[in-house]
Amino acid sequence: MVCLFVYGWLSVCERRDLLSRDSEALQATSACKTVMSVKVECVVKERCEIGEGPVWEEKEGTLLFVDISGQKIHRWNPATNQKETVATEKFVGCAVPRRSGGYVIGEGRSFGALDWESKSISTIAVIDEDKPNNRFNDGKVDPAGRLFAGTMAIEERPTVLELKQGSLFSLNKDHIVVKHFNQVDISNGLDWSLDHKTFYYIDSLTYTVDAFNYDINTGSISEGHTHTHTHTHINLVLHRQPCVCVGNRRMVYKMDEGEGIPDGMCIDADGRLWVACYSGGRVIQIDPQTGVRLQTVKLPVDKTTSCCFGGRDYSDLYVTSACKGMDEADMAKQPQAGCVFRITGLGAKGIPANSFTG
């Protein structure tokens, strides 16, 4: 009972041990079929300090992504190889399409509305009022149109920061903000299962991918039976109220030695998760039901940060990367650090991104 309670550690590890031999055989068979067809290509050659948050915009056929510390939001068209950019005043952790037009962003400690044509940003809500050294990091829209985004302390240097300062928030269509839980180190990748009943989440310095029960109708992350959870509702300014970490959290994958730090992620049409591994120079595909790694694709840069599927049939995997903190010697070895890559021939397809409904 104890091992099952602590993030489901025992059950996941047992399943991974039981399935490891079959998985290795499967990977070997798959490698024979796909190794010649998988292709990694650098497509956006202008470097980002910290590229993050890629989103494929189906209607426009463009890739939206941010440069967090470079304080820019980019929109790249692969058909024309043209890139448009909007500058922000503060670090920008995420940008997502808005159904009514424009985008919603996480900039500094604020949710904001971006009008791309006028390049103007207006504030929707402010969070973490009591933590001025915090900023937004990764964010994504759930299948009902709510924007989920997490915070973290501003880093002194890559992955060096004050711990347990972050929280996970969501922005509803009525612009009410909900604080789901706190005590987060680096709030990062997030996505939902295909049946919308499970929320997948990465707090990077735990080196795990976790799962929670999810209620798509209310946007609630399940409390389970052993913890009390208080939602904090915010309208423009956060009021200090207690927030206790939710129960029913379980680990679905633990990073192996050498894989790096789990960063951004996305889900494919088969319900498998693709995780970008910071300082690991790779993306991995995992089965969240078994905790088994199914596929590894290495890139020519170490600091891979996030990924999303895109392209005409969602068979292209776009991967962002970072170069912040690298010296001249590092850059000489990895001249494409900070660029955006496209991986093809994976034998997997993604699903369309959701748009914010507010």
Protein backbone atom coordinates (compact mmCIF):
# COMPACT_ATOMS: atom_id res chain seq x y z
CA MET A 1 0.00 0.00 0.00
CA VAL A 2 2.78 2.45 0.84
CA CYS A 3 4.57 2.00 -2.45
CA LEU A 4 1.36 2.36 -4.41
CA PHE A 5 0.52 5.57 -2.56
CA VAL A 6 3.85 7.24 -3.35
CA TYR A 7 3.09 8.18 -6.96
CA GLY A 8 2.44 4.58 -7.96
CA TRP A 9 6.20 3.92 -8.00
CA LEU A 10 6.10 0.20 -7.38
CA SER A 11 3.41 -0.62 -9.90
CA VAL A 12 5.10 1.34 -12.68
CA CYS A 13 8.53 -0.14 -12.03
CA GLU A 14 7.16 -3.66 -11.86
CA ARG A 15 5.41 -3.19 -15.18
CA ARG A 16 8.54 -1.75 -16.72
CA ASP A 17 10.58 -4.74 -15.55
CA LEU A 18 8.02 -7.22 -16.80
CA LEU A 19 7.75 -5.52 -20.17
CA SER A 20 11.39 -4.61 -20.68
CA ARG A 21 12.33 -7.70 -22.67
CA ASP A 22 9.30 -7.45 -24.94
CA SER A 23 9.90 -3.72 -25.30
CA GLU A 24 13.53 -4.22 -26.29
CA ALA A 25 12.51 -6.77 -28.88
CA LEU A 26 9.81 -4.43 -30.17
CA GLN A 27 12.25 -1.52 -30.37
CA ALA A 28 14.77 -3.67 -32.23
CA THR A 29 12.10 -4.74 -34.72
CA SER A 30 10.86 -1.17 -35.11
CA ALA A 31 14.41 0.09 -35.60
CA CYS A 32 14.90 -2.28 -38.51
CA LYS A 33 11.79 -0.86 -40.13
CA THR A 34 12.24 2.84 -39.40
CA VAL A 35 15.90 3.68 -38.87
CA MET A 36 16.39 4.49 -42.54
CA SER A 37 13.25 6.63 -42.73
CA VAL A 38 13.52 8.81 -39.60
CA LYS A 39 14.96 12.18 -40.56
CA VAL A 40 15.99 15.10 -38.33
CA GLU A 41 16.18 18.45 -40.11
CA CYS A 42 16.99 21.96 -38.84
CA VAL A 43 14.19 24.13 -40.25
CA VAL A 44 14.30 27.43 -38.32
CA LYS A 45 17.94 28.39 -38.24
CA GLU A 46 17.67 31.65 -36.32
CA ARG A 47 18.60 30.79 -32.73
CA CYS A 48 16.40 31.24 -29.70
CA GLU A 49 17.91 31.69 -26.26
CA ILE A 50 15.24 29.35 -24.89
CA GLY A 51 12.90 28.14 -27.63
CA GLU A 52 9.70 26.69 -26.17
CA GLY A 53 5.99 26.03 -26.51
CA PRO A 54 5.57 25.00 -30.19
CA VAL A 55 1.96 24.94 -31.42
CA TRP A 56 0.88 24.00 -34.94
CA GLU A 57 -1.76 26.37 -36.37
CA GLU A 58 -3.69 24.20 -38.80
CA LYS A 59 -5.68 26.89 -40.61
CA GLU A 60 -2.64 29.07 -41.29
CA GLY A 61 -0.21 26.19 -41.73
CA THR A 62 2.24 27.90 -39.37
CA LEU A 63 4.29 26.97 -36.33
CA LEU A 64 3.89 29.22 -33.30
CA PHE A 65 6.63 29.16 -30.64
CA VAL A 66 8.29 31.42 -28.08
CA ASP A 67 11.78 32.45 -27.05
CA ILE A 68 11.35 32.75 -23.30
CA SER A 69 14.34 34.83 -22.24
CA GLY A 70 14.71 36.35 -25.71
CA GLN A 71 11.23 37.80 -25.02
CA LYS A 72 9.81 37.02 -28.45
CA ILE A 73 6.87 35.16 -29.96
CA HIS A 74 7.53 33.68 -33.39
CA ARG A 75 5.26 32.44 -36.16
CA TRP A 76 7.02 30.46 -38.91
CA ASN A 77 5.52 29.38 -42.24
CA PRO A 78 7.25 26.24 -43.59
CA ALA A 79 5.74 26.76 -47.06
CA THR A 80 7.46 30.14 -47.48
CA ASN A 81 10.18 29.81 -44.81
CA GLN A 82 9.12 33.24 -43.56
CA LYS A 83 9.05 34.09 -39.87
CA GLU A 84 7.11 36.86 -38.15
CA THR A 85 7.94 38.02 -34.64
CA VAL A 86 6.31 39.98 -31.83
CA ALA A 87 8.48 41.24 -28.96
CA THR A 88 7.31 41.11 -25.35
CA GLU A 89 8.36 43.26 -22.40
CA LYS A 90 8.99 40.31 -20.06
CA PHE A 91 9.90 36.63 -20.25
CA VAL A 92 7.20 34.82 -22.24
CA GLY A 93 6.55 31.20 -21.30
CA CYS A 94 3.79 30.26 -23.71
CA ALA A 95 1.48 31.50 -26.47
CA VAL A 96 -1.66 29.74 -27.70
CA PRO A 97 -4.25 30.53 -30.40
CA ARG A 98 -7.49 32.17 -29.33
CA ARG A 99 -10.71 31.05 -30.99
CA SER A 100 -11.98 34.63 -31.26
CA GLY A 101 -8.72 35.73 -32.91
CA GLY A 102 -5.23 36.56 -31.77
CA TYR A 103 -3.45 34.72 -28.98
CA VAL A 104 -3.36 34.31 -25.21
CA ILE A 105 0.11 34.34 -23.65
CA GLY A 106 1.83 33.78 -20.34
CA GLU A 107 4.19 36.74 -19.95
CA GLY A 108 6.02 37.43 -16.72
CA ARG A 109 3.38 36.75 -14.06
CA SER A 110 0.43 37.70 -16.27
CA PHE A 111 -1.98 36.07 -18.64
CA GLY A 112 -2.28 38.45 -21.58
CA ALA A 113 -4.15 38.86 -24.86
CA LEU A 114 -2.01 39.43 -27.95
CA ASP A 115 -3.31 41.13 -31.09
CA TRP A 116 -0.84 39.98 -33.74
CA GLU A 117 -1.63 42.68 -36.30
CA SER A 118 -1.14 45.60 -33.93
CA LYS A 119 1.49 43.73 -31.86
CA SER A 120 -0.30 44.95 -28.74
CA ILE A 121 -0.63 42.99 -25.49
CA SER A 122 -3.29 43.61 -22.84
CA THR A 123 -3.40 42.06 -19.38
CA ILE A 124 -6.09 39.52 -18.57
CA ALA A 125 -5.01 38.40 -15.09
CA VAL A 126 -2.01 38.60 -12.76
CA ILE A 127 -0.85 35.62 -10.66
CA ASP A 128 1.77 34.92 -7.97
CA GLU A 129 1.42 38.45 -6.61
CA ASP A 130 3.44 37.48 -3.55
CA LYS A 131 6.30 36.05 -5.62
CA PRO A 132 7.73 38.85 -7.80
CA ASN A 133 10.66 36.66 -8.87
CA ASN A 134 8.36 34.13 -10.54
CA ARG A 135 7.45 33.82 -14.22
CA PHE A 136 5.23 31.70 -16.42
CA ASN A 137 6.72 28.68 -18.15
CA ASP A 138 5.01 26.09 -20.37
CA GLY A 139 1.28 26.21 -21.10
CA LYS A 140 -1.34 24.42 -23.18
CA VAL A 141 -5.10 24.52 -23.84
CA ASP A 142 -7.26 21.64 -22.64
CA PRO A 143 -9.92 20.01 -24.90
CA ALA A 144 -12.61 22.30 -23.41
CA GLY A 145 -10.69 25.48 -24.25
CA ARG A 146 -9.14 26.37 -20.88
CA LEU A 147 -5.51 27.50 -20.80
CA PHE A 148 -3.33 25.67 -18.28
CA ALA A 149 0.08 27.18 -17.50
CA GLY A 150 2.57 26.85 -14.68
CA THR A 151 5.09 29.11 -12.99
CA MET A 152 8.63 28.85 -11.64
CA ALA A 153 11.24 31.10 -10.09
CA ILE A 154 13.41 33.02 -12.54
CA GLU A 155 16.61 31.04 -13.02
CA GLU A 156 20.02 32.32 -11.96
CA ARG A 157 21.35 30.12 -14.77
CA PRO A 158 19.78 27.15 -16.59
CA THR A 159 18.08 24.81 -14.05
CA VAL A 160 19.55 26.76 -11.09
CA LEU A 161 16.74 28.51 -9.23
CA GLU A 162 14.89 28.81 -5.93
CA LEU A 163 12.88 25.60 -5.57
CA LYS A 164 9.20 24.99 -4.75
CA GLN A 165 8.12 28.49 -5.83
CA GLY A 166 5.92 27.50 -8.76
CA SER A 167 2.25 26.61 -9.14
CA LEU A 168 -0.11 25.32 -11.81
CA PHE A 169 -2.92 27.63 -12.94
CA SER A 170 -5.73 27.55 -15.45
CA LEU A 171 -7.49 30.43 -17.18
CA ASN A 172 -11.19 29.85 -17.88
CA LYS A 173 -13.13 31.38 -20.74
CA ASP A 174 -14.68 33.90 -18.31
CA HIS A 175 -11.09 34.93 -17.37
CA ILE A 176 -11.37 33.48 -13.88
CA VAL A 177 -8.07 31.90 -12.86
CA VAL A 178 -7.86 28.68 -10.83
CA LYS A 179 -4.76 27.71 -8.86
CA HIS A 180 -4.63 23.91 -8.85
CA PHE A 181 -1.52 23.17 -6.77
CA ASN A 182 1.78 24.70 -5.66
CA GLN A 183 5.22 23.54 -4.42
CA VAL A 184 6.43 23.17 -8.03
CA ASP A 185 10.09 23.52 -9.04
CA ILE A 186 9.90 23.95 -12.83
CA SER A 187 6.38 23.64 -14.24
CA ASN A 188 6.74 22.17 -17.70
CA GLY A 189 5.14 19.77 -20.18
CA LEU A 190 1.42 19.05 -20.01
CA ASP A 191 -1.26 17.32 -22.08
CA TRP A 192 -4.46 15.29 -21.81
CA SER A 193 -5.34 11.70 -22.67
CA LEU A 194 -7.44 11.08 -25.75
CA ASP A 195 -10.50 10.31 -23.62
CA HIS A 196 -9.90 13.54 -21.64
CA LYS A 197 -9.95 11.65 -18.33
CA THR A 198 -6.23 11.96 -17.51
CA PHE A 199 -3.99 15.00 -17.19
CA TYR A 200 -0.28 14.43 -17.81
CA TYR A 201 2.19 16.79 -16.20
CA ILE A 202 5.93 17.37 -15.80
CA ASP A 203 7.63 19.16 -12.91
CA SER A 204 11.09 18.91 -14.46
CA LEU A 205 13.28 18.44 -11.39
CA THR A 206 11.28 15.41 -10.25
CA TYR A 207 12.60 13.66 -13.38
CA THR A 208 9.19 12.08 -13.88
CA VAL A 209 6.09 12.30 -16.02
CA ASP A 210 3.04 12.22 -13.75
CA ALA A 211 -0.68 11.69 -14.26
CA PHE A 212 -3.82 12.92 -12.49
CA ASN A 213 -7.49 12.09 -12.89
CA TYR A 214 -9.16 14.92 -14.82
CA ASP A 215 -12.73 16.18 -15.08
CA ILE A 216 -13.14 17.82 -18.47
CA ASN A 217 -16.50 19.32 -17.51
CA THR A 218 -15.16 21.31 -14.56
CA GLY A 219 -11.46 21.52 -15.39
CA SER A 220 -10.65 19.98 -12.01
CA ILE A 221 -7.66 17.82 -11.24
CA SER A 222 -8.91 15.01 -9.01
CA GLU A 223 -8.34 15.37 -5.30
CA GLY A 224 -8.52 11.64 -4.66
CA HIS A 225 -9.44 10.41 -1.17
CA THR A 226 -6.43 11.32 0.96
CA HIS A 227 -5.81 15.03 0.48
CA THR A 228 -7.76 18.23 0.82
CA HIS A 229 -7.36 20.66 -2.09
CA THR A 230 -8.36 24.29 -2.13
CA HIS A 231 -8.85 26.09 -5.43
CA THR A 232 -7.79 29.72 -5.46
CA HIS A 233 -9.88 31.84 -7.80
CA ILE A 234 -8.26 34.93 -9.23
CA ASN A 235 -9.59 37.86 -11.19
CA LEU A 236 -6.77 40.18 -12.30
CA VAL A 237 -4.85 39.88 -9.02
CA LEU A 238 -4.09 36.78 -6.96
CA HIS A 239 -5.37 36.82 -3.40
CA ARG A 240 -3.27 34.79 -0.99
CA GLN A 241 -5.10 31.63 -0.02
CA PRO A 242 -3.85 28.16 0.92
CA CYS A 243 -3.31 25.58 -1.79
CA VAL A 244 -2.55 22.00 -0.83
CA CYS A 245 -1.07 19.59 -3.38
CA VAL A 246 -3.68 17.29 -4.87
CA GLY A 247 -3.87 13.57 -4.30
CA ASN A 248 -4.36 10.81 -6.85
CA ARG A 249 -1.07 11.76 -8.48
CA ARG A 250 0.88 8.87 -9.92
CA MET A 251 4.11 8.47 -11.81
CA VAL A 252 3.86 7.09 -15.34
CA TYR A 253 7.53 7.39 -16.31
CA LYS A 254 10.84 7.91 -14.52
CA MET A 255 13.73 9.24 -16.60
CA ASP A 256 16.58 6.81 -17.05
CA GLU A 257 20.16 7.84 -16.42
CA GLY A 258 21.50 9.78 -19.39
CA GLU A 259 18.07 10.75 -20.74
CA GLY A 260 18.30 14.27 -19.34
CA ILE A 261 15.59 16.39 -17.72
CA PRO A 262 11.95 16.03 -18.87
CA ASP A 263 10.79 19.29 -20.42
CA GLY A 264 7.92 19.94 -22.84
CA MET A 265 5.73 17.16 -24.22
CA CYS A 266 2.80 16.31 -26.48
CA ILE A 267 0.49 13.36 -27.12
CA ASP A 268 0.07 11.47 -30.39
CA ALA A 269 -3.04 9.97 -32.00
CA ASP A 270 -2.35 6.62 -30.33
CA GLY A 271 -2.25 8.12 -26.85
CA ARG A 272 1.53 7.89 -26.48
CA LEU A 273 3.54 10.77 -25.02
CA TRP A 274 6.52 12.43 -26.70
CA VAL A 275 8.86 14.13 -24.23
CA ALA A 276 11.69 16.54 -25.06
CA CYS A 277 14.69 15.82 -22.83
CA TYR A 278 16.65 18.91 -21.79
CA SER A 279 20.40 18.20 -21.54
CA GLY A 280 19.60 14.82 -23.10
CA GLY A 281 19.60 15.85 -26.76
CA ARG A 282 16.60 13.69 -27.62
CA VAL A 283 12.88 13.17 -27.65
CA ILE A 284 11.41 9.96 -26.32
CA GLN A 285 8.08 8.27 -26.94
CA ILE A 286 6.56 6.59 -23.90
CA ASP A 287 3.45 4.53 -23.28
CA PRO A 288 1.78 6.11 -20.23
CA GLN A 289 -0.23 2.96 -19.60
CA THR A 290 2.82 0.75 -19.09
CA GLY A 291 5.59 3.21 -18.26
CA VAL A 292 7.70 1.82 -21.11
CA ARG A 293 9.85 3.90 -23.45
CA LEU A 294 8.97 2.92 -27.01
CA GLN A 295 11.26 5.06 -29.10
CA THR A 296 14.20 7.47 -28.81
CA VAL A 297 15.22 10.03 -31.43
CA LYS A 298 18.47 11.90 -30.87
CA LEU A 299 19.09 15.43 -32.11
CA PRO A 300 22.34 17.33 -32.84
CA VAL A 301 21.78 19.61 -29.82
CA ASP A 302 21.69 18.84 -26.10
CA LYS A 303 19.11 21.36 -24.91
CA THR A 304 15.93 20.06 -26.52
CA THR A 305 13.02 21.84 -24.84
CA SER A 306 9.60 20.95 -26.25
CA CYS A 307 7.77 19.34 -29.15
CA CYS A 308 4.50 19.26 -31.07
CA PHE A 309 3.13 17.48 -34.11
CA GLY A 310 2.25 19.47 -37.20
CA GLY A 311 2.25 19.51 -40.97
CA ARG A 312 -0.53 18.62 -43.38
CA ASP A 313 -1.30 15.25 -41.79
CA TYR A 314 0.31 15.87 -38.36
CA SER A 315 3.12 13.40 -39.06
CA ASP A 316 5.93 15.96 -38.57
CA LEU A 317 7.30 16.39 -35.07
CA TYR A 318 8.65 19.90 -34.44
CA VAL A 319 11.22 20.25 -31.65
CA THR A 320 12.43 23.50 -30.07
CA SER A 321 15.80 23.93 -28.39
CA ALA A 322 17.87 26.36 -26.33
CA CYS A 323 21.36 27.81 -26.33
CA LYS A 324 21.28 30.01 -23.24
CA GLY A 325 24.18 29.28 -20.90
CA MET A 326 26.39 27.79 -23.61
CA ASP A 327 29.87 29.21 -24.14
CA GLU A 328 31.76 29.59 -27.42
CA ALA A 329 33.27 26.12 -27.18
CA ASP A 330 29.82 24.59 -26.66
CA MET A 331 28.38 26.54 -29.58
CA ALA A 332 31.23 25.43 -31.82
CA LYS A 333 30.31 21.83 -31.07
CA GLN A 334 26.56 22.44 -31.41
CA PRO A 335 26.09 25.31 -33.90
CA GLN A 336 22.37 24.54 -34.27
CA ALA A 337 21.60 24.94 -30.56
CA GLY A 338 18.57 27.20 -30.16
CA CYS A 339 17.14 26.27 -33.57
CA VAL A 340 13.86 24.48 -34.38
CA PHE A 341 13.98 20.96 -35.82
CA ARG A 342 11.53 18.83 -37.78
CA ILE A 343 11.51 15.04 -37.39
CA THR A 344 9.82 12.94 -40.06
CA GLY A 345 9.34 9.22 -40.62
CA LEU A 346 8.38 8.43 -37.02
CA GLY A 347 5.38 6.28 -37.87
CA ALA A 348 3.27 8.41 -35.53
CA LYS A 349 0.81 11.25 -36.01
CA GLY A 350 -0.39 13.98 -33.69
CA ILE A 351 -3.74 15.64 -33.13
CA PRO A 352 -4.81 19.27 -33.69
CA ALA A 353 -4.05 21.79 -30.94
CA ASN A 354 -6.90 23.26 -28.91
CA SER A 355 -7.68 27.00 -28.95
CA PHE A 356 -8.57 29.15 -25.96
CA THR A 357 -12.31 29.82 -25.95
CA GLY A 358 -12.43 33.03 -23.91
